[in-house]
Amino acid sequence: MRVFITGGAGFIGSHLADALIARGDSVTILDNMSTGSAKNIAHLAGKITVHEGDIRDLALVEKLIQDCDLVLHMAAALGVKNIMEHTIESIDRNFTGSEVVLNAATKFDKRLIIASTSEIYGKNPNQPLNEESDRVVGAPQKIRWTYSDAKALEEAVAHTLHKTHGLKVTIVRFFNTVGPRQTGQYGMVVPRFIQAALKNEDIIIYDDGSQSRVFCHVQDAVKAVLTLADTDSTIGDYFNVGGVGETTIKELATKIIERTQSKSTITYIPYTDAYPAGFEDMQRRVPDITKIKKTIDWAPTHTLDSIIDSVAASLKN
């Protein structure tokens, strides 16, 4: 199978490329290397075709999609810190870029998987979140929610194209996916904490650390994506992909210190010292993965302990 991955040099995209090459597929990547990295795919040199460019480049995207069988649309401007510091560019890349990919996949009748996000649910207090949970987001001036808005619009366009033009699309809503190659550069909490722990530096927690999340290893997420792509009955549908085992950020930091045998201490700072004006957080984010379990018999295999060990090992190397 010929597979085209937008954002293929990124965190999830590069792991998808690994899995596809391992099973014998042909892989072509498009990445602008803004949040992706050439080193993420350096070990695949000679095995994949790489184009450095922008998903808003209509002619390039159409050419690459026309020549493939499956499109995995993973490209996005992501990370809360990145979104807040580069708001207009991020909105344009996340919406306009996705519109180009969606229209091209429709034009050439290609199977498409879209990487969406748990961010679309916003700060809905009713947890866990299932696929039909309401979106609850803050005021437009709370810039953090522009990522949520852009991805929700992307989903709406994909749904409309499926209904009106038969686009063969499946939407994947990732919840806090973590693992090797993820960078702490844009505020991603697990690599940021582990990097600090390995250096015996202070682990900095924003606010009081009582906010909670559920983490999913990238290998589990990749298996979910590829199984969904291979299952025609998932066309036109949307699925949460997340881990199990809710943990507070303070508990996460404590566990990381224990598992890495670090001498780090935990330091707390207010959000106002970490983010520019317009930031807002949610207290809990817990996925309900009942739907995907029933549909493709998928469930995560990694525990939080194995996730921490995996990321720590990769950072040591």
C-alpha atoms as a PDB file:
ATOM      1  CA  MET A   1       0.000   0.000   0.000  1.00  0.00           C
ATOM      2  CA  ARG A   2       1.169   3.526  -0.803  1.00  0.00           C
ATOM      3  CA  VAL A   3       0.701   5.730   2.262  1.00  0.00           C
ATOM      4  CA  PHE A   4       1.048   9.508   2.423  1.00  0.00           C
ATOM      5  CA  ILE A   5       1.638  11.051   5.872  1.00  0.00           C
ATOM      6  CA  THR A   6       1.281  14.786   6.445  1.00  0.00           C
ATOM      7  CA  GLY A   7       3.415  15.767   9.413  1.00  0.00           C
ATOM      8  CA  GLY A   8       5.342  12.531   8.954  1.00  0.00           C
ATOM      9  CA  ALA A   9       8.493  13.858  10.630  1.00  0.00           C
ATOM     10  CA  GLY A  10       6.539  14.712  13.751  1.00  0.00           C
ATOM     11  CA  PHE A  11       6.058  12.712  16.908  1.00  0.00           C
ATOM     12  CA  ILE A  12       3.099  10.493  15.967  1.00  0.00           C
ATOM     13  CA  GLY A  13       3.748  10.720  12.228  1.00  0.00           C
ATOM     14  CA  SER A  14       7.260   9.298  12.477  1.00  0.00           C
ATOM     15  CA  HIS A  15       6.060   6.365  14.577  1.00  0.00           C
ATOM     16  CA  LEU A  16       3.371   5.684  11.985  1.00  0.00           C
ATOM     17  CA  ALA A  17       6.087   5.682   9.308  1.00  0.00           C
ATOM     18  CA  ASP A  18       8.043   3.106  11.334  1.00  0.00           C
ATOM     19  CA  ALA A  19       5.036   0.796  11.619  1.00  0.00           C
ATOM     20  CA  LEU A  20       4.111   1.129   7.943  1.00  0.00           C
ATOM     21  CA  ILE A  21       7.634   0.400   6.708  1.00  0.00           C
ATOM     22  CA  ALA A  22       7.825  -2.571   9.085  1.00  0.00           C
ATOM     23  CA  ARG A  23       4.741  -4.106   7.470  1.00  0.00           C
ATOM     24  CA  GLY A  24       6.002  -3.483   3.948  1.00  0.00           C
ATOM     25  CA  ASP A  25       4.113  -0.387   2.850  1.00  0.00           C
ATOM     26  CA  SER A  26       5.476   2.447   0.717  1.00  0.00           C
ATOM     27  CA  VAL A  27       5.636   5.740   2.648  1.00  0.00           C
ATOM     28  CA  THR A  28       5.765   9.346   1.470  1.00  0.00           C
ATOM     29  CA  ILE A  29       6.030  12.200   3.965  1.00  0.00           C
ATOM     30  CA  LEU A  30       5.245  15.911   3.788  1.00  0.00           C
ATOM     31  CA  ASP A  31       6.494  18.052   6.672  1.00  0.00           C
ATOM     32  CA  ASN A  32       7.528  21.684   7.057  1.00  0.00           C
ATOM     33  CA  MET A  33       9.847  20.716   9.950  1.00  0.00           C
ATOM     34  CA  SER A  34       8.384  23.379  12.250  1.00  0.00           C
ATOM     35  CA  THR A  35       7.441  20.967  15.034  1.00  0.00           C
ATOM     36  CA  GLY A  36       8.672  17.843  13.277  1.00  0.00           C
ATOM     37  CA  SER A  37      12.349  16.958  13.028  1.00  0.00           C
ATOM     38  CA  ALA A  38      14.575  15.323  10.424  1.00  0.00           C
ATOM     39  CA  LYS A  39      16.182  13.263  13.183  1.00  0.00           C
ATOM     40  CA  ASN A  40      12.826  11.570  13.873  1.00  0.00           C
ATOM     41  CA  ILE A  41      13.008   9.914  10.458  1.00  0.00           C
ATOM     42  CA  ALA A  42      16.780   9.787   9.905  1.00  0.00           C
ATOM     43  CA  HIS A  43      16.813   6.036  10.538  1.00  0.00           C
ATOM     44  CA  LEU A  44      14.343   5.590   7.649  1.00  0.00           C
ATOM     45  CA  ALA A  45      16.609   7.267   5.070  1.00  0.00           C
ATOM     46  CA  GLY A  46      16.386   5.383   1.793  1.00  0.00           C
ATOM     47  CA  LYS A  47      13.175   3.650   2.861  1.00  0.00           C
ATOM     48  CA  ILE A  48      10.769   6.590   2.621  1.00  0.00           C
ATOM     49  CA  THR A  49      10.239   9.584   0.335  1.00  0.00           C
ATOM     50  CA  VAL A  50      10.380  12.937   2.117  1.00  0.00           C
ATOM     51  CA  HIS A  51       9.055  16.275   0.865  1.00  0.00           C
ATOM     52  CA  GLU A  52       9.754  19.388   2.919  1.00  0.00           C
ATOM     53  CA  GLY A  53       6.853  21.738   2.368  1.00  0.00           C
ATOM     54  CA  ASP A  54       3.556  23.127   3.608  1.00  0.00           C
ATOM     55  CA  ILE A  55       0.152  21.428   3.642  1.00  0.00           C
ATOM     56  CA  ARG A  56      -1.295  24.694   2.336  1.00  0.00           C
ATOM     57  CA  ASP A  57       0.584  24.127  -0.957  1.00  0.00           C
ATOM     58  CA  LEU A  58      -2.390  22.978  -3.043  1.00  0.00           C
ATOM     59  CA  ALA A  59      -0.465  21.743  -6.085  1.00  0.00           C
ATOM     60  CA  LEU A  60       2.019  19.749  -4.011  1.00  0.00           C
ATOM     61  CA  VAL A  61      -0.626  18.213  -1.749  1.00  0.00           C
ATOM     62  CA  GLU A  62      -2.818  17.217  -4.694  1.00  0.00           C
ATOM     63  CA  LYS A  63       0.130  15.562  -6.456  1.00  0.00           C
ATOM     64  CA  LEU A  64       1.127  13.564  -3.387  1.00  0.00           C
ATOM     65  CA  ILE A  65      -2.438  12.510  -2.572  1.00  0.00           C
ATOM     66  CA  GLN A  66      -3.161  11.496  -6.154  1.00  0.00           C
ATOM     67  CA  ASP A  67      -0.216   9.078  -6.007  1.00  0.00           C
ATOM     68  CA  CYS A  68      -1.219   7.297  -2.775  1.00  0.00           C
ATOM     69  CA  ASP A  69      -3.804   4.823  -1.492  1.00  0.00           C
ATOM     70  CA  LEU A  70      -4.135   6.054   2.091  1.00  0.00           C
ATOM     71  CA  VAL A  71      -3.709   9.530   3.591  1.00  0.00           C
ATOM     72  CA  LEU A  72      -2.789   9.911   7.259  1.00  0.00           C
ATOM     73  CA  HIS A  73      -3.279  13.598   8.056  1.00  0.00           C
ATOM     74  CA  MET A  74      -1.157  14.188  11.152  1.00  0.00           C
ATOM     75  CA  ALA A  75       0.160  17.685  10.364  1.00  0.00           C
ATOM     76  CA  ALA A  76      -0.862  20.454  12.751  1.00  0.00           C
ATOM     77  CA  ALA A  77       0.449  23.386  14.705  1.00  0.00           C
ATOM     78  CA  LEU A  78       0.246  21.973  18.206  1.00  0.00           C
ATOM     79  CA  GLY A  79       1.233  22.586  21.804  1.00  0.00           C
ATOM     80  CA  VAL A  80      -0.527  25.125  24.008  1.00  0.00           C
ATOM     81  CA  LYS A  81       2.554  27.323  24.289  1.00  0.00           C
ATOM     82  CA  ASN A  82       3.098  27.271  20.526  1.00  0.00           C
ATOM     83  CA  ILE A  83      -0.561  28.086  19.798  1.00  0.00           C
ATOM     84  CA  MET A  84      -0.518  31.039  22.169  1.00  0.00           C
ATOM     85  CA  GLU A  85       2.738  32.456  20.838  1.00  0.00           C
ATOM     86  CA  HIS A  86       1.937  31.978  17.122  1.00  0.00           C
ATOM     87  CA  THR A  87      -1.859  32.204  17.115  1.00  0.00           C
ATOM     88  CA  ILE A  88      -2.691  33.444  13.614  1.00  0.00           C
ATOM     89  CA  GLU A  89      -0.190  31.182  11.856  1.00  0.00           C
ATOM     90  CA  SER A  90      -1.419  28.211  13.906  1.00  0.00           C
ATOM     91  CA  ILE A  91      -5.075  28.813  13.078  1.00  0.00           C
ATOM     92  CA  ASP A  92      -4.285  29.148   9.379  1.00  0.00           C
ATOM     93  CA  ARG A  93      -2.152  26.010   9.271  1.00  0.00           C
ATOM     94  CA  ASN A  94      -4.650  23.952  11.246  1.00  0.00           C
ATOM     95  CA  PHE A  95      -7.729  24.996   9.312  1.00  0.00           C
ATOM     96  CA  THR A  96      -6.637  26.146   5.852  1.00  0.00           C
ATOM     97  CA  GLY A  97      -4.056  23.380   5.598  1.00  0.00           C
ATOM     98  CA  SER A  98      -6.578  20.760   6.589  1.00  0.00           C
ATOM     99  CA  GLU A  99      -9.085  22.122   4.088  1.00  0.00           C
ATOM    100  CA  VAL A 100      -6.517  21.574   1.322  1.00  0.00           C
ATOM    101  CA  VAL A 101      -5.921  17.982   2.427  1.00  0.00           C
ATOM    102  CA  LEU A 102      -9.628  17.208   2.832  1.00  0.00           C
ATOM    103  CA  ASN A 103     -10.557  18.610  -0.582  1.00  0.00           C
ATOM    104  CA  ALA A 104      -7.721  16.757  -2.297  1.00  0.00           C
ATOM    105  CA  ALA A 105      -8.664  13.453  -0.655  1.00  0.00           C
ATOM    106  CA  THR A 106     -12.251  14.037  -1.779  1.00  0.00           C
ATOM    107  CA  LYS A 107     -11.190  14.960  -5.329  1.00  0.00           C
ATOM    108  CA  PHE A 108      -9.112  11.807  -5.780  1.00  0.00           C
ATOM    109  CA  ASP A 109     -11.381   9.504  -3.727  1.00  0.00           C
ATOM    110  CA  LYS A 110      -8.725   8.481  -1.189  1.00  0.00           C
ATOM    111  CA  ARG A 111      -9.056   6.806   2.208  1.00  0.00           C
ATOM    112  CA  LEU A 112      -8.297   9.405   4.866  1.00  0.00           C
ATOM    113  CA  ILE A 113      -7.506   9.350   8.582  1.00  0.00           C
ATOM    114  CA  ILE A 114      -7.573  12.717  10.373  1.00  0.00           C
ATOM    115  CA  ALA A 115      -5.703  13.346  13.606  1.00  0.00           C
ATOM    116  CA  SER A 116      -8.047  15.337  15.797  1.00  0.00           C
ATOM    117  CA  THR A 117      -7.656  15.979  19.509  1.00  0.00           C
ATOM    118  CA  SER A 118      -9.233  15.785  22.933  1.00  0.00           C
ATOM    119  CA  GLU A 119      -8.868  19.574  22.922  1.00  0.00           C
ATOM    120  CA  ILE A 120     -12.138  19.780  20.985  1.00  0.00           C
ATOM    121  CA  TYR A 121     -14.037  18.898  24.175  1.00  0.00           C
ATOM    122  CA  GLY A 122     -12.587  21.981  25.834  1.00  0.00           C
ATOM    123  CA  LYS A 123     -13.204  22.221  29.569  1.00  0.00           C
ATOM    124  CA  ASN A 124     -16.320  20.047  29.739  1.00  0.00           C
ATOM    125  CA  PRO A 125     -16.529  19.059  33.436  1.00  0.00           C
ATOM    126  CA  ASN A 126     -18.522  15.884  32.735  1.00  0.00           C
ATOM    127  CA  GLN A 127     -15.874  13.168  32.694  1.00  0.00           C
ATOM    128  CA  PRO A 128     -14.989  10.755  31.223  1.00  0.00           C
ATOM    129  CA  LEU A 129     -15.487  12.223  27.764  1.00  0.00           C
ATOM    130  CA  ASN A 130     -17.214  10.116  25.124  1.00  0.00           C
ATOM    131  CA  GLU A 131     -17.464  10.890  21.424  1.00  0.00           C
ATOM    132  CA  GLU A 132     -20.824  12.642  21.849  1.00  0.00           C
ATOM    133  CA  SER A 133     -19.749  14.847  24.760  1.00  0.00           C
ATOM    134  CA  ASP A 134     -20.441  18.561  24.345  1.00  0.00           C
ATOM    135  CA  ARG A 135     -17.742  21.078  23.509  1.00  0.00           C
ATOM    136  CA  VAL A 136     -17.296  23.576  26.355  1.00  0.00           C
ATOM    137  CA  VAL A 137     -14.764  26.273  25.512  1.00  0.00           C
ATOM    138  CA  GLY A 138     -13.922  29.682  26.874  1.00  0.00           C
ATOM    139  CA  ALA A 139     -14.315  33.129  25.348  1.00  0.00           C
ATOM    140  CA  PRO A 140     -12.562  33.890  22.037  1.00  0.00           C
ATOM    141  CA  GLN A 141     -10.090  36.038  23.956  1.00  0.00           C
ATOM    142  CA  LYS A 142      -8.911  32.891  25.728  1.00  0.00           C
ATOM    143  CA  ILE A 143      -6.487  32.184  22.893  1.00  0.00           C
ATOM    144  CA  ARG A 144      -5.779  28.652  24.042  1.00  0.00           C
ATOM    145  CA  TRP A 145      -9.117  27.505  22.583  1.00  0.00           C
ATOM    146  CA  THR A 146      -8.274  28.546  19.019  1.00  0.00           C
ATOM    147  CA  TYR A 147      -6.669  25.113  18.527  1.00  0.00           C
ATOM    148  CA  SER A 148      -9.857  23.452  19.733  1.00  0.00           C
ATOM    149  CA  ASP A 149     -11.960  25.622  17.420  1.00  0.00           C
ATOM    150  CA  ALA A 150      -9.813  24.966  14.349  1.00  0.00           C
ATOM    151  CA  LYS A 151      -9.825  21.200  14.888  1.00  0.00           C
ATOM    152  CA  ALA A 152     -13.590  21.174  15.518  1.00  0.00           C
ATOM    153  CA  LEU A 153     -14.147  23.016  12.230  1.00  0.00           C
ATOM    154  CA  GLU A 154     -11.853  20.522  10.507  1.00  0.00           C
ATOM    155  CA  GLU A 155     -14.010  17.693  11.835  1.00  0.00           C
ATOM    156  CA  ALA A 156     -17.166  19.469  10.681  1.00  0.00           C
ATOM    157  CA  VAL A 157     -15.813  19.903   7.154  1.00  0.00           C
ATOM    158  CA  ALA A 158     -14.713  16.249   7.050  1.00  0.00           C
ATOM    159  CA  HIS A 159     -18.158  15.109   8.204  1.00  0.00           C
ATOM    160  CA  THR A 160     -19.860  17.291   5.592  1.00  0.00           C
ATOM    161  CA  LEU A 161     -17.627  16.024   2.782  1.00  0.00           C
ATOM    162  CA  HIS A 162     -18.356  12.462   3.839  1.00  0.00           C
ATOM    163  CA  LYS A 163     -22.105  13.089   3.755  1.00  0.00           C
ATOM    164  CA  THR A 164     -22.172  15.129   0.536  1.00  0.00           C
ATOM    165  CA  HIS A 165     -19.273  13.743  -1.522  1.00  0.00           C
ATOM    166  CA  GLY A 166     -18.575  10.314  -0.040  1.00  0.00           C
ATOM    167  CA  LEU A 167     -15.194  11.207   1.496  1.00  0.00           C
ATOM    168  CA  LYS A 168     -13.820   8.015   3.039  1.00  0.00           C
ATOM    169  CA  VAL A 169     -12.714   9.601   6.286  1.00  0.00           C
ATOM    170  CA  THR A 170     -12.242   8.443   9.871  1.00  0.00           C
ATOM    171  CA  ILE A 171     -11.463  10.892  12.670  1.00  0.00           C
ATOM    172  CA  VAL A 172      -9.153  10.015  15.567  1.00  0.00           C
ATOM    173  CA  ARG A 173      -9.284  12.154  18.711  1.00  0.00           C
ATOM    174  CA  PHE A 174      -5.970  11.682  20.510  1.00  0.00           C
ATOM    175  CA  PHE A 175      -5.830  12.095  24.290  1.00  0.00           C
ATOM    176  CA  ASN A 176      -2.401  13.029  25.705  1.00  0.00           C
ATOM    177  CA  THR A 177      -0.325  10.739  23.511  1.00  0.00           C
ATOM    178  CA  VAL A 178       3.244  10.398  24.777  1.00  0.00           C
ATOM    179  CA  GLY A 179       6.405   8.422  24.063  1.00  0.00           C
ATOM    180  CA  PRO A 180       9.881   8.582  22.532  1.00  0.00           C
ATOM    181  CA  ARG A 181      10.578  11.543  20.185  1.00  0.00           C
ATOM    182  CA  GLN A 182       8.026  13.798  21.845  1.00  0.00           C
ATOM    183  CA  THR A 183       9.567  17.122  22.740  1.00  0.00           C
ATOM    184  CA  GLY A 184       8.947  19.182  25.849  1.00  0.00           C
ATOM    185  CA  GLN A 185       9.604  22.301  23.774  1.00  0.00           C
ATOM    186  CA  TYR A 186       5.933  23.255  23.516  1.00  0.00           C
ATOM    187  CA  GLY A 187       4.943  22.433  27.080  1.00  0.00           C
ATOM    188  CA  MET A 188       4.379  18.672  26.708  1.00  0.00           C
ATOM    189  CA  VAL A 189       4.410  17.612  30.316  1.00  0.00           C
ATOM    190  CA  VAL A 190       5.831  14.055  30.281  1.00  0.00           C
ATOM    191  CA  PRO A 191       9.058  14.701  28.341  1.00  0.00           C
ATOM    192  CA  ARG A 192       9.520  18.002  30.155  1.00  0.00           C
ATOM    193  CA  PHE A 193       9.294  16.344  33.567  1.00  0.00           C
ATOM    194  CA  ILE A 194      11.494  13.401  32.609  1.00  0.00           C
ATOM    195  CA  GLN A 195      14.161  15.632  31.057  1.00  0.00           C
ATOM    196  CA  ALA A 196      14.336  17.583  34.312  1.00  0.00           C
ATOM    197  CA  ALA A 197      14.399  14.407  36.424  1.00  0.00           C
ATOM    198  CA  LEU A 198      17.273  12.892  34.461  1.00  0.00           C
ATOM    199  CA  LYS A 199      19.273  16.081  35.051  1.00  0.00           C
ATOM    200  CA  ASN A 200      18.250  16.216  38.747  1.00  0.00           C
ATOM    201  CA  GLU A 201      16.747  19.648  38.082  1.00  0.00           C
ATOM    202  CA  ASP A 202      13.586  21.076  39.616  1.00  0.00           C
ATOM    203  CA  ILE A 203      10.396  19.692  38.089  1.00  0.00           C
ATOM    204  CA  ILE A 204       8.182  22.711  37.515  1.00  0.00           C
ATOM    205  CA  ILE A 205       4.432  22.247  37.897  1.00  0.00           C
ATOM    206  CA  TYR A 206       2.032  24.963  36.791  1.00  0.00           C
ATOM    207  CA  ASP A 207      -0.635  25.786  39.376  1.00  0.00           C
ATOM    208  CA  ASP A 208      -1.058  23.291  42.243  1.00  0.00           C
ATOM    209  CA  GLY A 209      -0.726  20.012  40.297  1.00  0.00           C
ATOM    210  CA  SER A 210      -4.225  18.781  41.138  1.00  0.00           C
ATOM    211  CA  GLN A 211      -5.290  18.852  37.481  1.00  0.00           C
ATOM    212  CA  SER A 212      -5.492  15.300  36.090  1.00  0.00           C
ATOM    213  CA  ARG A 213      -4.882  13.553  32.775  1.00  0.00           C
ATOM    214  CA  VAL A 214      -4.723  10.070  31.249  1.00  0.00           C
ATOM    215  CA  PHE A 215      -1.687   9.241  29.096  1.00  0.00           C
ATOM    216  CA  CYS A 216      -1.483   6.911  26.096  1.00  0.00           C
ATOM    217  CA  HIS A 217       1.750   5.478  24.657  1.00  0.00           C
ATOM    218  CA  VAL A 218       2.371   6.359  21.024  1.00  0.00           C
ATOM    219  CA  GLN A 219       2.766   2.675  20.095  1.00  0.00           C
ATOM    220  CA  ASP A 220      -0.777   2.007  21.302  1.00  0.00           C
ATOM    221  CA  ALA A 221      -2.034   5.058  19.397  1.00  0.00           C
ATOM    222  CA  VAL A 222      -0.316   3.924  16.186  1.00  0.00           C
ATOM    223  CA  LYS A 223      -1.932   0.503  16.415  1.00  0.00           C
ATOM    224  CA  ALA A 224      -5.327   2.176  16.821  1.00  0.00           C
ATOM    225  CA  VAL A 225      -4.794   4.428  13.785  1.00  0.00           C
ATOM    226  CA  LEU A 226      -3.681   1.643  11.474  1.00  0.00           C
ATOM    227  CA  THR A 227      -6.456  -0.700  12.573  1.00  0.00           C
ATOM    228  CA  LEU A 228      -9.046   2.022  12.001  1.00  0.00           C
ATOM    229  CA  ALA A 229      -7.553   2.709   8.560  1.00  0.00           C
ATOM    230  CA  ASP A 230      -7.815  -0.986   7.661  1.00  0.00           C
ATOM    231  CA  THR A 231     -11.437  -1.233   8.835  1.00  0.00           C
ATOM    232  CA  ASP A 232     -13.914   0.088   6.262  1.00  0.00           C
ATOM    233  CA  SER A 233     -16.789   0.057   8.747  1.00  0.00           C
ATOM    234  CA  THR A 234     -15.145   3.002  10.553  1.00  0.00           C
ATOM    235  CA  ILE A 235     -15.527   5.298   7.526  1.00  0.00           C
ATOM    236  CA  GLY A 236     -17.610   8.335   8.422  1.00  0.00           C
ATOM    237  CA  ASP A 237     -17.077   7.787  12.140  1.00  0.00           C
ATOM    238  CA  TYR A 238     -14.962   9.316  14.913  1.00  0.00           C
ATOM    239  CA  PHE A 239     -13.154   7.726  17.847  1.00  0.00           C
ATOM    240  CA  ASN A 240     -11.371   8.621  21.060  1.00  0.00           C
ATOM    241  CA  VAL A 241      -7.887   7.121  21.360  1.00  0.00           C
ATOM    242  CA  GLY A 242      -6.498   7.336  24.874  1.00  0.00           C
ATOM    243  CA  GLY A 243      -4.975   5.435  27.744  1.00  0.00           C
ATOM    244  CA  VAL A 244      -6.308   4.238  31.065  1.00  0.00           C
ATOM    245  CA  GLY A 245      -5.495   5.302  34.623  1.00  0.00           C
ATOM    246  CA  GLU A 246      -6.186   8.903  35.603  1.00  0.00           C
ATOM    247  CA  THR A 247      -3.345  10.644  37.418  1.00  0.00           C
ATOM    248  CA  THR A 248      -2.812  14.141  38.749  1.00  0.00           C
ATOM    249  CA  ILE A 249       0.129  16.166  37.482  1.00  0.00           C
ATOM    250  CA  LYS A 250       1.611  16.146  40.994  1.00  0.00           C
ATOM    251  CA  GLU A 251       1.333  12.344  41.119  1.00  0.00           C
ATOM    252  CA  LEU A 252       2.949  12.151  37.695  1.00  0.00           C
ATOM    253  CA  ALA A 253       5.919  14.236  38.807  1.00  0.00           C
ATOM    254  CA  THR A 254       6.338  12.150  41.973  1.00  0.00           C
ATOM    255  CA  LYS A 255       6.218   8.893  40.009  1.00  0.00           C
ATOM    256  CA  ILE A 256       8.755  10.164  37.486  1.00  0.00           C
ATOM    257  CA  ILE A 257      11.166  11.094  40.288  1.00  0.00           C
ATOM    258  CA  GLU A 258      10.760   7.608  41.777  1.00  0.00           C
ATOM    259  CA  ARG A 259      11.154   5.667  38.542  1.00  0.00           C
ATOM    260  CA  THR A 260      14.179   7.632  37.350  1.00  0.00           C
ATOM    261  CA  GLN A 261      15.719   7.611  40.849  1.00  0.00           C
ATOM    262  CA  SER A 262      16.103  11.340  40.511  1.00  0.00           C
ATOM    263  CA  LYS A 263      17.121  13.876  43.139  1.00  0.00           C
ATOM    264  CA  SER A 264      14.774  16.453  41.639  1.00  0.00           C
ATOM    265  CA  THR A 265      12.360  18.408  43.766  1.00  0.00           C
ATOM    266  CA  ILE A 266       8.969  19.741  42.703  1.00  0.00           C
ATOM    267  CA  THR A 267       8.458  23.478  42.281  1.00  0.00           C
ATOM    268  CA  TYR A 268       5.073  25.129  41.746  1.00  0.00           C
ATOM    269  CA  ILE A 269       4.541  28.302  39.724  1.00  0.00           C
ATOM    270  CA  PRO A 270       1.310  30.093  38.741  1.00  0.00           C
ATOM    271  CA  TYR A 271       0.006  29.874  35.185  1.00  0.00           C
ATOM    272  CA  THR A 272       0.573  33.610  34.803  1.00  0.00           C
ATOM    273  CA  ASP A 273       4.333  33.004  35.043  1.00  0.00           C
ATOM    274  CA  ALA A 274       4.245  30.243  32.438  1.00  0.00           C
ATOM    275  CA  TYR A 275       1.865  31.445  29.741  1.00  0.00           C
ATOM    276  CA  PRO A 276       0.914  34.781  28.177  1.00  0.00           C
ATOM    277  CA  ALA A 277      -2.470  36.366  28.797  1.00  0.00           C
ATOM    278  CA  GLY A 278      -5.344  34.360  27.363  1.00  0.00           C
ATOM    279  CA  PHE A 279      -4.411  30.993  28.832  1.00  0.00           C
ATOM    280  CA  GLU A 280      -7.009  28.759  30.426  1.00  0.00           C
ATOM    281  CA  ASP A 281      -6.752  25.153  31.568  1.00  0.00           C
ATOM    282  CA  MET A 282      -9.165  22.327  32.347  1.00  0.00           C
ATOM    283  CA  GLN A 283      -9.108  20.433  35.633  1.00  0.00           C
ATOM    284  CA  ARG A 284      -9.677  16.935  34.247  1.00  0.00           C
ATOM    285  CA  ARG A 285      -9.439  15.217  30.888  1.00  0.00           C
ATOM    286  CA  VAL A 286     -10.343  11.547  30.894  1.00  0.00           C
ATOM    287  CA  PRO A 287     -11.198   9.565  27.745  1.00  0.00           C
ATOM    288  CA  ASP A 288     -14.041   7.103  27.403  1.00  0.00           C
ATOM    289  CA  ILE A 289     -12.660   4.527  24.931  1.00  0.00           C
ATOM    290  CA  THR A 290     -15.645   2.176  24.993  1.00  0.00           C
ATOM    291  CA  LYS A 291     -16.548   2.913  21.366  1.00  0.00           C
ATOM    292  CA  ILE A 292     -13.196   2.026  19.833  1.00  0.00           C
ATOM    293  CA  LYS A 293     -12.935  -1.098  21.997  1.00  0.00           C
ATOM    294  CA  LYS A 294     -16.275  -2.334  20.690  1.00  0.00           C
ATOM    295  CA  THR A 295     -15.598  -1.358  17.080  1.00  0.00           C
ATOM    296  CA  ILE A 296     -12.065  -2.689  16.438  1.00  0.00           C
ATOM    297  CA  ASP A 297     -11.243  -4.526  19.692  1.00  0.00           C
ATOM    298  CA  TRP A 298      -8.485  -2.057  20.538  1.00  0.00           C
ATOM    299  CA  ALA A 299      -7.247  -1.271  24.027  1.00  0.00           C
ATOM    300  CA  PRO A 300      -4.016   0.332  25.269  1.00  0.00           C
ATOM    301  CA  THR A 301      -1.354  -2.040  26.589  1.00  0.00           C
ATOM    302  CA  HIS A 302       1.051   0.411  28.222  1.00  0.00           C
ATOM    303  CA  THR A 303       0.789   1.473  31.852  1.00  0.00           C
ATOM    304  CA  LEU A 304       1.965   4.846  33.137  1.00  0.00           C
ATOM    305  CA  ASP A 305       5.048   3.101  34.549  1.00  0.00           C
ATOM    306  CA  SER A 306       5.970   1.614  31.177  1.00  0.00           C
ATOM    307  CA  ILE A 307       5.328   4.953  29.473  1.00  0.00           C
ATOM    308  CA  ILE A 308       7.721   6.731  31.855  1.00  0.00           C
ATOM    309  CA  ASP A 309      10.351   4.005  31.445  1.00  0.00           C
ATOM    310  CA  SER A 310      10.059   4.177  27.650  1.00  0.00           C
ATOM    311  CA  VAL A 311      10.448   7.949  27.477  1.00  0.00           C
ATOM    312  CA  ALA A 312      13.291   7.946  30.016  1.00  0.00           C
ATOM    313  CA  ALA A 313      15.186   5.299  28.068  1.00  0.00           C
ATOM    314  CA  SER A 314      14.838   7.236  24.826  1.00  0.00           C
ATOM    315  CA  LEU A 315      16.021  10.487  26.429  1.00  0.00           C
ATOM    316  CA  LYS A 316      19.035   8.763  27.965  1.00  0.00           C
ATOM    317  CA  ASN A 317      20.024   7.580  24.507  1.00  0.00           C
END
